[in-house]
Structures are given as structure tokens and as C-alpha cells.
């Protein structure tokens, strides 16, 4: 995953628009558009710092994709947040089936 992909995914997962990213980082909308497209990178340390604060991730994650150690539950919840609404519904159905299946197995024992 490229830096631009991470920024776009984080914005999507956090339901933050490009305009809101620009306002938070105190840069132009055009600059953020370039970050999203991958034609420019947030090269100033201040920009990485602001992005990490906005998305609550490390600067290392934004710049290089190196994540801080987190729990499996956190990783799963972050992945689920990145899914579309339709995809989330499918995951919920699968989880309901799995949980329902487990409770049925327990009740049969």
C-alpha cells in the first residue's frame, strides 16, 4: 500500500473529507488532493504530525505503513471500519451465523 492509499483509507475509515484534512493540517485543498492522488507527499514533519493526530495513528504508519503494536481486536475493528456499508452488512451476517452456530452447538451438548 502506497502512502497516498494509506491517507485515503484513513480518511475514509474516519469519515473525514479532503477539505477537513486540509483544514486540520492547515494546507490547501489542492495539496491534499495531490496527497490523495499520490502526486505529492506530506513531506514536512508538521504535516505528518498533523495527519497522525487527525487519524490517531503513528507517523511511521502514515509514512511507511509500519504500524505500532496493537491488539487483534483493534486491527479487526480498523479493517471493518474501512469496508463499505454493504461489505459491513455481509460481515455482520457472517458473524451472526458464526455466533449462532456456536450457541447452537453448545446447546446441543
C-alpha atoms as a PDB file:
ATOM      1  CA  UNK A   1       0.000   0.000   0.000  1.00  0.00           C
ATOM      2  CA  UNK A   2       1.370   3.385  -1.010  1.00  0.00           C
ATOM      3  CA  UNK A   3       1.387   6.443   1.234  1.00  0.00           C
ATOM      4  CA  UNK A   4      -1.466   8.005  -0.742  1.00  0.00           C
ATOM      5  CA  UNK A   5      -3.524   4.803  -0.336  1.00  0.00           C
ATOM      6  CA  UNK A   6      -2.998   4.896   3.429  1.00  0.00           C
ATOM      7  CA  UNK A   7      -4.089   8.532   3.659  1.00  0.00           C
ATOM      8  CA  UNK A   8      -7.200   7.892   1.557  1.00  0.00           C
ATOM      9  CA  UNK A   9      -8.058   4.747   3.560  1.00  0.00           C
ATOM     10  CA  UNK A  10      -7.582   6.568   6.867  1.00  0.00           C
ATOM     11  CA  UNK A  11      -9.755   9.465   5.704  1.00  0.00           C
ATOM     12  CA  UNK A  12     -12.449   7.017   4.580  1.00  0.00           C
ATOM     13  CA  UNK A  13     -12.257   4.979   7.791  1.00  0.00           C
ATOM     14  CA  UNK A  14     -12.506   8.131   9.906  1.00  0.00           C
ATOM     15  CA  UNK A  15     -15.194   9.681   7.690  1.00  0.00           C
ATOM     16  CA  UNK A  16     -13.046  12.772   7.130  1.00  0.00           C
ATOM     17  CA  UNK A  17     -13.260  14.689   3.861  1.00  0.00           C
ATOM     18  CA  UNK A  18     -10.277  16.017   1.933  1.00  0.00           C
ATOM     19  CA  UNK A  19     -11.405  19.520   2.859  1.00  0.00           C
ATOM     20  CA  UNK A  20     -11.378  18.611   6.558  1.00  0.00           C
ATOM     21  CA  UNK A  21      -7.883  17.126   6.182  1.00  0.00           C
ATOM     22  CA  UNK A  22      -6.733  20.372   4.556  1.00  0.00           C
ATOM     23  CA  UNK A  23      -8.232  22.484   7.333  1.00  0.00           C
ATOM     24  CA  UNK A  24      -6.752  20.325  10.095  1.00  0.00           C
ATOM     25  CA  UNK A  25      -3.287  20.303   8.501  1.00  0.00           C
ATOM     26  CA  UNK A  26      -3.518  23.976   7.548  1.00  0.00           C
ATOM     27  CA  UNK A  27      -2.711  23.299   3.895  1.00  0.00           C
ATOM     28  CA  UNK A  28      -4.635  23.987   0.700  1.00  0.00           C
ATOM     29  CA  UNK A  29      -7.328  21.690  -0.680  1.00  0.00           C
ATOM     30  CA  UNK A  30      -5.100  21.318  -3.751  1.00  0.00           C
ATOM     31  CA  UNK A  31      -2.260  19.990  -1.585  1.00  0.00           C
ATOM     32  CA  UNK A  32      -4.491  17.350  -0.010  1.00  0.00           C
ATOM     33  CA  UNK A  33      -5.811  16.381  -3.445  1.00  0.00           C
ATOM     34  CA  UNK A  34      -2.220  15.759  -4.500  1.00  0.00           C
ATOM     35  CA  UNK A  35      -1.634  13.652  -1.369  1.00  0.00           C
ATOM     36  CA  UNK A  36      -4.733  11.587  -2.174  1.00  0.00           C
ATOM     37  CA  UNK A  37      -3.653  11.121  -5.797  1.00  0.00           C
ATOM     38  CA  UNK A  38      -0.061  10.308  -4.882  1.00  0.00           C
ATOM     39  CA  UNK A  39       1.405  13.162  -6.939  1.00  0.00           C
ATOM     40  CA  UNK A  40       2.764  14.788  -3.776  1.00  0.00           C
ATOM     41  CA  UNK A  41       3.566  13.606  -0.260  1.00  0.00           C
ATOM     42  CA  UNK A  42       3.186  15.300   3.115  1.00  0.00           C
ATOM     43  CA  UNK A  43       6.918  15.911   3.305  1.00  0.00           C
ATOM     44  CA  UNK A  44       7.058  18.420   6.141  1.00  0.00           C
ATOM     45  CA  UNK A  45       7.272  16.834   9.568  1.00  0.00           C
ATOM     46  CA  UNK A  46       4.450  19.078  10.698  1.00  0.00           C
ATOM     47  CA  UNK A  47       2.128  17.591   8.051  1.00  0.00           C
ATOM     48  CA  UNK A  48       2.889  14.036   9.156  1.00  0.00           C
ATOM     49  CA  UNK A  49       2.408  15.050  12.762  1.00  0.00           C
ATOM     50  CA  UNK A  50      -0.988  16.607  11.985  1.00  0.00           C
ATOM     51  CA  UNK A  51      -2.114  13.597   9.940  1.00  0.00           C
ATOM     52  CA  UNK A  52      -1.090  11.229  12.729  1.00  0.00           C
ATOM     53  CA  UNK A  53      -3.092  13.286  15.246  1.00  0.00           C
ATOM     54  CA  UNK A  54      -6.107  13.540  12.945  1.00  0.00           C
ATOM     55  CA  UNK A  55      -6.234   9.806  12.249  1.00  0.00           C
ATOM     56  CA  UNK A  56      -4.858   8.655  15.618  1.00  0.00           C
ATOM     57  CA  UNK A  57      -2.044   6.597  14.081  1.00  0.00           C
ATOM     58  CA  UNK A  58       1.729   6.871  14.209  1.00  0.00           C
ATOM     59  CA  UNK A  59       3.758   8.965  11.787  1.00  0.00           C
ATOM     60  CA  UNK A  60       5.572   5.736  10.884  1.00  0.00           C
ATOM     61  CA  UNK A  61       2.310   4.193   9.763  1.00  0.00           C
ATOM     62  CA  UNK A  62       1.417   7.104   7.505  1.00  0.00           C
ATOM     63  CA  UNK A  63       4.889   7.446   6.009  1.00  0.00           C
ATOM     64  CA  UNK A  64       5.941   3.806   5.723  1.00  0.00           C
ATOM     65  CA  UNK A  65       2.988   1.586   6.640  1.00  0.00           C
ATOM     66  CA  UNK A  66       4.735   0.480   9.829  1.00  0.00           C
ATOM     67  CA  UNK A  67       2.044   0.076  12.442  1.00  0.00           C
ATOM     68  CA  UNK A  68       2.510   0.279  16.161  1.00  0.00           C
ATOM     69  CA  UNK A  69       1.769  -2.952  18.006  1.00  0.00           C
ATOM     70  CA  UNK A  70      -1.962  -3.216  18.621  1.00  0.00           C
ATOM     71  CA  UNK A  71      -4.383  -5.878  19.741  1.00  0.00           C
ATOM     72  CA  UNK A  72      -6.085  -8.237  17.300  1.00  0.00           C
ATOM     73  CA  UNK A  73      -9.437  -6.677  18.222  1.00  0.00           C
ATOM     74  CA  UNK A  74      -8.152  -3.230  17.293  1.00  0.00           C
ATOM     75  CA  UNK A  75      -6.796  -4.462  13.970  1.00  0.00           C
ATOM     76  CA  UNK A  76     -10.085  -6.182  13.146  1.00  0.00           C
ATOM     77  CA  UNK A  77     -12.172  -3.148  14.074  1.00  0.00           C
ATOM     78  CA  UNK A  78      -9.982  -0.901  11.913  1.00  0.00           C
ATOM     79  CA  UNK A  79     -10.331  -3.264   8.958  1.00  0.00           C
ATOM     80  CA  UNK A  80     -14.103  -3.376   9.398  1.00  0.00           C
ATOM     81  CA  UNK A  81     -14.276   0.431   9.534  1.00  0.00           C
ATOM     82  CA  UNK A  82     -12.590   0.565   6.114  1.00  0.00           C
ATOM     83  CA  UNK A  83     -15.320  -1.537   4.493  1.00  0.00           C
ATOM     84  CA  UNK A  84     -18.256  -0.095   2.588  1.00  0.00           C
ATOM     85  CA  UNK A  85     -21.689  -0.241   4.181  1.00  0.00           C
ATOM     86  CA  UNK A  86     -22.672  -3.213   2.021  1.00  0.00           C
ATOM     87  CA  UNK A  87     -19.474  -5.066   2.937  1.00  0.00           C
ATOM     88  CA  UNK A  88     -20.073  -4.373   6.651  1.00  0.00           C
ATOM     89  CA  UNK A  89     -23.563  -5.855   6.389  1.00  0.00           C
ATOM     90  CA  UNK A  90     -22.090  -9.017   4.865  1.00  0.00           C
ATOM     91  CA  UNK A  91     -19.516  -9.257   7.669  1.00  0.00           C
ATOM     92  CA  UNK A  92     -22.271  -8.793  10.275  1.00  0.00           C
ATOM     93  CA  UNK A  93     -24.288 -11.603   8.699  1.00  0.00           C
ATOM     94  CA  UNK A  94     -21.262 -13.901   8.732  1.00  0.00           C
ATOM     95  CA  UNK A  95     -20.516 -13.071  12.363  1.00  0.00           C
ATOM     96  CA  UNK A  96     -24.164 -13.633  13.310  1.00  0.00           C
ATOM     97  CA  UNK A  97     -24.037 -17.045  11.611  1.00  0.00           C
ATOM     98  CA  UNK A  98     -20.829 -17.943  13.411  1.00  0.00           C
ATOM     99  CA  UNK A  99     -22.126 -16.849  16.788  1.00  0.00           C
ATOM    100  CA  UNK A 100     -25.480 -18.506  16.172  1.00  0.00           C
ATOM    101  CA  UNK A 101     -23.721 -21.689  15.105  1.00  0.00           C
ATOM    102  CA  UNK A 102     -21.593 -21.721  18.250  1.00  0.00           C
ATOM    103  CA  UNK A 103     -24.559 -21.195  20.555  1.00  0.00           C
ATOM    104  CA  UNK A 104     -26.470 -23.976  18.794  1.00  0.00           C
ATOM    105  CA  UNK A 105     -23.508 -26.317  19.162  1.00  0.00           C
ATOM    106  CA  UNK A 106     -23.252 -25.534  22.878  1.00  0.00           C
ATOM    107  CA  UNK A 107     -26.963 -26.090  23.436  1.00  0.00           C
ATOM    108  CA  UNK A 108     -26.790 -29.499  21.749  1.00  0.00           C
ATOM    109  CA  UNK A 109     -24.003 -30.715  24.078  1.00  0.00           C
END
